[in-house]
Amino acid sequence: MTKPGYTEEKYDGVTVLVGAERGAYPYANSVLVRGTAETLVIDPSLSLVGAAPPADTVLVSHAHEDHVAGLGGYEVPVRIHDGDLAALCSREVMATGYGLPPDATAHTDAILRDRFHVRDRTDATGFADGTVFDLGGRTVTVVHLPGHTAGHCGFLIEPDGFLYVADIDLTSFGPYYGDTGSSLADFEASMRRCREIDVRWYGTAHQRGVIEGASEFSARLEAFARVVERRDAALLAFLDEPRTVEEIAGHRLVYRPDVEGSHVGPVERRTAVQHLERLIGAGLVMEVERERFRTT
């Protein structure tokens, strides 16, 4: 086994395996939970490659490459929510789920294979919201938090009072709901659900790490959610005259102007459509010409 690319932080019986660069992408934070009977790992990241700690079961919060890059170190049962099971079983399905043009999808598939060590995990099986994994003296309960992906989940670890919220990650970038299976409405519902779970610690997959206390977590979650409101406001300001979806995508709601890549256009288009739909539903935007929109 090579030297681990992570550091360990203890929260009672929960160990957070903090990825390189504080878990910033392409790295991520993983979680190790030990009971008296079994040990479980959540989201084996790139930092675990070649240094994966032993476990009896692996849980995956969702089928994105940065959360499964270390799976090759485990030949044990792998579980994921049914909504993301197909993408974990097939790298092709995972690559297609980003909704990129065919040539970019082929390039993404090569990156998944070569940089993130993603391979088909046809042995993986699904779970549902509320599924409980009893490790002996310690339980891990699935908390379905869709929006980022259809099957995105958090995990509540008791009796420690630790909620792992995965990619509800509280970063300044804000919520990401730009994949083909993403949903802004579901993401907002998942954030509301997180607010209702009062525990001691809240663990994120990237950068922010672990937040202690429900009040501090709630304040940071509110700031994270306000990014969605700022995107709404930016879109309303841009629709002072009729605009197409392509024009909105070019104006950008998600990425800074200097960010380049084949993913930018498709993500901006899907994000624009979701914001348009909610603003039309609120009576703030209308279609004034065929496929051209402006504020009411």
Protein backbone atom coordinates (compact mmCIF):
# COMPACT_ATOMS: atom_id res chain seq x y z
CA MET A 1 0.00 0.00 0.00
CA THR A 2 1.32 3.45 -0.91
CA LYS A 3 1.35 6.43 1.43
CA PRO A 4 -2.18 7.83 1.81
CA GLY A 5 -3.00 11.01 -0.06
CA TYR A 6 -5.38 12.05 2.70
CA THR A 7 -5.29 13.12 6.35
CA GLU A 8 -7.56 11.81 9.08
CA GLU A 9 -9.87 13.88 11.25
CA LYS A 10 -11.83 12.20 14.06
CA TYR A 11 -15.39 13.03 15.09
CA ASP A 12 -16.15 10.49 17.81
CA GLY A 13 -16.57 7.22 15.90
CA VAL A 14 -16.47 8.88 12.49
CA THR A 15 -13.21 9.47 10.63
CA VAL A 16 -13.14 11.96 7.78
CA LEU A 17 -10.43 11.18 5.24
CA VAL A 18 -9.67 14.71 4.08
CA GLY A 19 -8.58 14.64 0.45
CA ALA A 20 -5.68 16.49 -1.07
CA GLU A 21 -6.13 20.26 -1.40
CA ARG A 22 -8.78 20.16 1.33
CA GLY A 23 -10.95 18.02 -0.90
CA ALA A 24 -11.20 20.53 -3.75
CA TYR A 25 -12.07 18.95 -7.10
CA PRO A 26 -10.69 16.66 -8.55
CA TYR A 27 -10.22 15.42 -5.00
CA ALA A 28 -12.92 14.91 -2.38
CA ASN A 29 -13.35 13.99 1.25
CA SER A 30 -14.23 10.42 2.16
CA VAL A 31 -15.70 9.03 5.37
CA LEU A 32 -14.69 5.94 7.35
CA VAL A 33 -17.15 4.51 9.89
CA ARG A 34 -16.23 1.66 12.21
CA GLY A 35 -18.69 -0.40 14.22
CA THR A 36 -18.09 -3.41 16.43
CA ALA A 37 -19.06 -5.79 13.63
CA GLU A 38 -18.26 -4.02 10.34
CA THR A 39 -16.42 -1.06 8.81
CA LEU A 40 -17.83 1.09 6.05
CA VAL A 41 -16.34 3.67 3.67
CA ILE A 42 -18.34 6.45 2.02
CA ASP A 43 -17.21 8.01 -1.28
CA PRO A 44 -13.71 6.60 -1.87
CA SER A 45 -11.99 9.53 -3.56
CA LEU A 46 -8.94 10.01 -5.76
CA SER A 47 -6.87 10.48 -2.60
CA LEU A 48 -7.57 6.86 -1.61
CA VAL A 49 -6.09 5.38 -4.78
CA GLY A 50 -3.39 2.91 -3.74
CA ALA A 51 -4.04 3.60 -0.06
CA ALA A 52 -7.63 2.57 0.53
CA PRO A 53 -8.34 1.71 4.18
CA PRO A 54 -9.95 -1.72 4.69
CA ALA A 55 -13.75 -1.85 4.72
CA ASP A 56 -16.54 -4.40 4.53
CA THR A 57 -18.89 -2.21 2.48
CA VAL A 58 -18.63 0.92 0.35
CA LEU A 59 -21.42 3.47 0.06
CA VAL A 60 -21.43 6.01 -2.76
CA SER A 61 -23.34 9.28 -2.39
CA HIS A 62 -23.76 9.70 -6.16
CA ALA A 63 -22.22 8.58 -9.42
CA HIS A 64 -19.70 11.32 -10.15
CA GLU A 65 -16.07 10.51 -10.85
CA ASP A 66 -14.55 12.36 -7.89
CA HIS A 67 -16.62 10.25 -5.49
CA VAL A 68 -15.72 6.85 -6.95
CA ALA A 69 -12.10 7.25 -8.11
CA GLY A 70 -10.86 5.07 -5.24
CA LEU A 71 -13.36 2.26 -5.79
CA GLY A 72 -10.72 0.12 -7.47
CA GLY A 73 -9.24 -0.55 -4.05
CA TYR A 74 -12.38 -2.38 -2.93
CA GLU A 75 -13.67 -5.79 -3.91
CA VAL A 76 -16.48 -5.66 -1.36
CA PRO A 77 -20.19 -4.86 -1.69
CA VAL A 78 -20.75 -1.42 -3.24
CA ARG A 79 -24.07 0.34 -2.71
CA ILE A 80 -25.64 3.46 -4.22
CA HIS A 81 -29.13 4.91 -4.52
CA ASP A 82 -31.24 3.30 -7.24
CA GLY A 83 -31.43 6.64 -9.05
CA ASP A 84 -27.68 6.58 -9.78
CA LEU A 85 -27.13 2.83 -9.99
CA ALA A 86 -26.97 2.63 -13.79
CA ALA A 87 -24.24 5.28 -13.93
CA LEU A 88 -22.12 3.44 -11.37
CA CYS A 89 -22.55 0.13 -13.16
CA SER A 90 -21.52 1.59 -16.52
CA ARG A 91 -18.85 4.21 -17.19
CA GLU A 92 -20.54 4.87 -20.55
CA VAL A 93 -23.78 5.78 -18.78
CA MET A 94 -21.86 8.01 -16.37
CA ALA A 95 -20.16 9.85 -19.23
CA THR A 96 -23.42 10.24 -21.15
CA GLY A 97 -25.12 11.68 -18.08
CA TYR A 98 -23.12 14.89 -18.38
CA GLY A 99 -25.07 15.68 -21.54
CA LEU A 100 -22.14 16.70 -23.73
CA PRO A 101 -21.77 16.52 -27.51
CA PRO A 102 -20.64 13.08 -28.80
CA ASP A 103 -16.97 14.00 -29.29
CA ALA A 104 -16.79 15.59 -25.85
CA THR A 105 -18.55 12.59 -24.31
CA ALA A 106 -15.90 10.29 -25.77
CA HIS A 107 -13.17 12.53 -24.35
CA THR A 108 -14.91 12.57 -20.96
CA ASP A 109 -15.11 8.79 -20.98
CA ALA A 110 -11.33 8.65 -21.51
CA ILE A 111 -10.78 11.06 -18.60
CA LEU A 112 -13.02 8.95 -16.35
CA ARG A 113 -10.99 5.89 -17.27
CA ASP A 114 -7.47 7.32 -17.18
CA ARG A 115 -7.55 10.07 -14.58
CA PHE A 116 -10.24 8.80 -12.22
CA HIS A 117 -9.78 5.04 -12.65
CA VAL A 118 -13.51 4.58 -13.24
CA ARG A 119 -14.53 1.14 -14.41
CA ASP A 120 -17.89 -0.57 -14.72
CA ARG A 121 -19.07 -1.72 -11.29
CA THR A 122 -21.68 -4.20 -12.43
CA ASP A 123 -21.57 -5.74 -8.94
CA ALA A 124 -22.99 -2.57 -7.37
CA THR A 125 -26.50 -2.74 -5.92
CA GLY A 126 -29.06 -0.10 -5.03
CA PHE A 127 -30.58 1.22 -1.87
CA ALA A 128 -33.48 3.57 -1.08
CA ASP A 129 -34.11 6.51 1.21
CA GLY A 130 -34.13 5.36 4.83
CA THR A 131 -32.04 2.21 4.31
CA VAL A 132 -30.09 1.50 7.50
CA PHE A 133 -26.65 -0.12 7.66
CA ASP A 134 -26.04 -1.58 11.12
CA LEU A 135 -22.31 -1.83 11.77
CA GLY A 136 -22.66 -2.95 15.38
CA GLY A 137 -23.12 -0.15 17.90
CA ARG A 138 -23.23 2.36 15.08
CA THR A 139 -25.71 2.89 12.23
CA VAL A 140 -25.54 4.66 8.88
CA THR A 141 -28.92 5.75 7.48
CA VAL A 142 -29.48 6.84 3.88
CA VAL A 143 -30.91 10.35 3.47
CA HIS A 144 -31.97 10.87 -0.15
CA LEU A 145 -31.02 14.41 -1.22
CA PRO A 146 -31.68 14.58 -4.99
CA GLY A 147 -31.07 17.54 -7.25
CA HIS A 148 -27.34 17.42 -7.89
CA THR A 149 -28.09 14.01 -9.40
CA ALA A 150 -31.27 11.97 -9.24
CA GLY A 151 -29.78 9.57 -6.69
CA HIS A 152 -27.63 11.98 -4.67
CA CYS A 153 -27.69 11.00 -0.99
CA GLY A 154 -26.40 12.01 2.39
CA PHE A 155 -25.76 9.64 5.28
CA LEU A 156 -26.74 10.07 8.94
CA ILE A 157 -24.31 8.38 11.31
CA GLU A 158 -25.52 7.60 14.83
CA PRO A 159 -25.00 7.74 17.77
CA ASP A 160 -22.31 10.23 16.76
CA GLY A 161 -24.68 12.82 15.34
CA PHE A 162 -22.83 13.21 12.03
CA LEU A 163 -24.61 14.00 8.75
CA TYR A 164 -22.55 13.66 5.58
CA VAL A 165 -24.19 15.89 2.95
CA ALA A 166 -21.80 15.13 0.05
CA ASP A 167 -22.15 17.71 -2.75
CA ILE A 168 -24.45 20.03 -0.90
CA ASP A 169 -20.97 21.27 -0.23
CA LEU A 170 -21.53 24.91 0.85
CA THR A 171 -18.86 26.25 -1.52
CA SER A 172 -19.02 29.77 -2.96
CA PHE A 173 -19.68 28.25 -6.40
CA GLY A 174 -23.15 27.35 -5.17
CA PRO A 175 -25.50 24.48 -6.01
CA TYR A 176 -24.75 22.56 -9.20
CA TYR A 177 -27.75 21.16 -11.09
CA GLY A 178 -26.44 21.09 -14.65
CA ASP A 179 -26.39 17.36 -15.52
CA THR A 180 -29.10 15.69 -17.58
CA GLY A 181 -30.53 14.10 -14.41
CA SER A 182 -30.22 17.19 -12.22
CA SER A 183 -33.11 19.23 -10.85
CA LEU A 184 -33.12 22.71 -9.32
CA ALA A 185 -36.47 22.09 -7.64
CA ASP A 186 -35.20 18.86 -6.09
CA PHE A 187 -31.96 20.53 -5.00
CA GLU A 188 -33.88 23.22 -3.14
CA ALA A 189 -36.10 20.59 -1.49
CA SER A 190 -32.98 18.69 -0.42
CA MET A 191 -31.50 21.80 1.16
CA ARG A 192 -34.73 22.28 3.10
CA ARG A 193 -34.52 18.67 4.27
CA CYS A 194 -30.96 19.20 5.49
CA ARG A 195 -32.10 22.17 7.59
CA GLU A 196 -34.55 19.89 9.40
CA ILE A 197 -31.86 17.43 10.55
CA ASP A 198 -30.34 18.64 13.81
CA VAL A 199 -27.02 16.94 14.52
CA ARG A 200 -23.65 17.88 15.97
CA TRP A 201 -21.57 17.68 12.80
CA TYR A 202 -22.22 18.16 9.08
CA GLY A 203 -19.61 16.82 6.68
CA THR A 204 -19.19 18.05 3.11
CA ALA A 205 -17.38 16.40 0.24
CA HIS A 206 -15.34 19.44 -0.79
CA GLN A 207 -13.32 22.23 0.81
CA ARG A 208 -15.65 23.30 3.62
CA GLY A 209 -15.01 20.05 5.44
CA VAL A 210 -16.95 19.55 8.66
CA ILE A 211 -19.20 22.19 10.20
CA GLU A 212 -20.09 21.90 13.88
CA GLY A 213 -23.53 22.87 15.12
CA ALA A 214 -26.92 23.21 13.45
CA SER A 215 -26.96 27.00 13.66
CA GLU A 216 -23.59 27.39 11.92
CA PHE A 217 -24.55 24.83 9.29
CA SER A 218 -27.89 26.55 8.69
CA ALA A 219 -26.18 29.93 8.19
CA ARG A 220 -23.71 28.48 5.70
CA LEU A 221 -26.46 26.58 3.90
CA GLU A 222 -28.47 29.80 3.59
CA ALA A 223 -25.48 31.53 1.97
CA PHE A 224 -25.07 28.55 -0.37
CA ALA A 225 -28.76 28.70 -1.35
CA ARG A 226 -28.56 32.43 -2.03
CA VAL A 227 -26.41 31.67 -5.07
CA VAL A 228 -29.60 30.33 -6.71
CA GLU A 229 -31.35 33.61 -5.92
CA ARG A 230 -28.47 35.57 -7.46
CA ARG A 231 -28.77 33.51 -10.64
CA ASP A 232 -32.48 34.34 -10.75
CA ALA A 233 -31.71 38.02 -10.31
CA ALA A 234 -29.01 37.97 -12.99
CA LEU A 235 -31.40 36.32 -15.44
CA LEU A 236 -34.19 38.81 -14.72
CA ALA A 237 -31.80 41.70 -15.32
CA PHE A 238 -30.66 40.18 -18.62
CA LEU A 239 -34.25 39.70 -19.80
CA ASP A 240 -34.89 43.44 -20.02
CA GLU A 241 -35.32 42.67 -23.71
CA PRO A 242 -36.29 39.41 -25.46
CA ARG A 243 -33.59 36.74 -25.30
CA THR A 244 -33.26 33.17 -26.48
CA VAL A 245 -32.00 30.31 -24.35
CA GLU A 246 -28.77 30.33 -26.36
CA GLU A 247 -28.28 34.01 -25.59
CA ILE A 248 -28.90 33.37 -21.89
CA ALA A 249 -26.42 30.49 -21.95
CA GLY A 250 -23.85 32.74 -23.58
CA HIS A 251 -24.45 35.41 -20.93
CA ARG A 252 -23.75 32.75 -18.25
CA LEU A 253 -25.49 32.12 -14.94
CA VAL A 254 -23.04 29.52 -13.61
CA TYR A 255 -19.48 29.92 -14.83
CA ARG A 256 -17.20 32.94 -14.91
CA PRO A 257 -16.42 34.32 -18.39
CA ASP A 258 -12.85 32.97 -18.27
CA VAL A 259 -13.94 29.36 -17.73
CA GLU A 260 -13.66 27.30 -20.90
CA GLY A 261 -14.56 23.73 -21.81
CA SER A 262 -17.02 21.60 -23.72
CA HIS A 263 -19.16 21.30 -20.60
CA VAL A 264 -19.83 25.02 -20.22
CA GLY A 265 -22.44 25.47 -22.97
CA PRO A 266 -24.59 22.42 -22.10
CA VAL A 267 -24.51 23.18 -18.36
CA GLU A 268 -25.42 26.83 -18.94
CA ARG A 269 -28.31 25.86 -21.24
CA ARG A 270 -29.76 23.32 -18.81
CA THR A 271 -29.39 25.76 -15.93
CA ALA A 272 -30.99 28.58 -17.95
CA VAL A 273 -34.00 26.43 -18.84
CA GLN A 274 -34.61 25.50 -15.21
CA HIS A 275 -34.46 29.12 -14.07
CA LEU A 276 -36.69 30.22 -16.92
CA GLU A 277 -39.29 27.63 -15.96
CA ARG A 278 -39.38 28.75 -12.32
CA LEU A 279 -39.55 32.45 -13.23
CA ILE A 280 -42.31 31.82 -15.77
CA GLY A 281 -44.16 29.87 -13.10
CA ALA A 282 -43.80 32.82 -10.73
CA GLY A 283 -45.21 35.18 -13.38
CA LEU A 284 -41.96 37.15 -13.64
CA VAL A 285 -41.00 36.06 -17.17
CA MET A 286 -43.04 35.35 -20.29
CA GLU A 287 -42.45 34.10 -23.80
CA VAL A 288 -42.96 37.15 -26.02
CA GLU A 289 -41.96 35.58 -29.32
CA ARG A 290 -41.29 32.02 -30.35
CA GLU A 291 -38.56 30.80 -27.97
CA ARG A 292 -37.70 34.36 -26.89
CA PHE A 293 -38.28 35.42 -23.31
CA ARG A 294 -38.33 38.64 -21.31
CA THR A 295 -39.50 39.94 -17.97
CA THR A 296 -43.21 40.70 -17.56
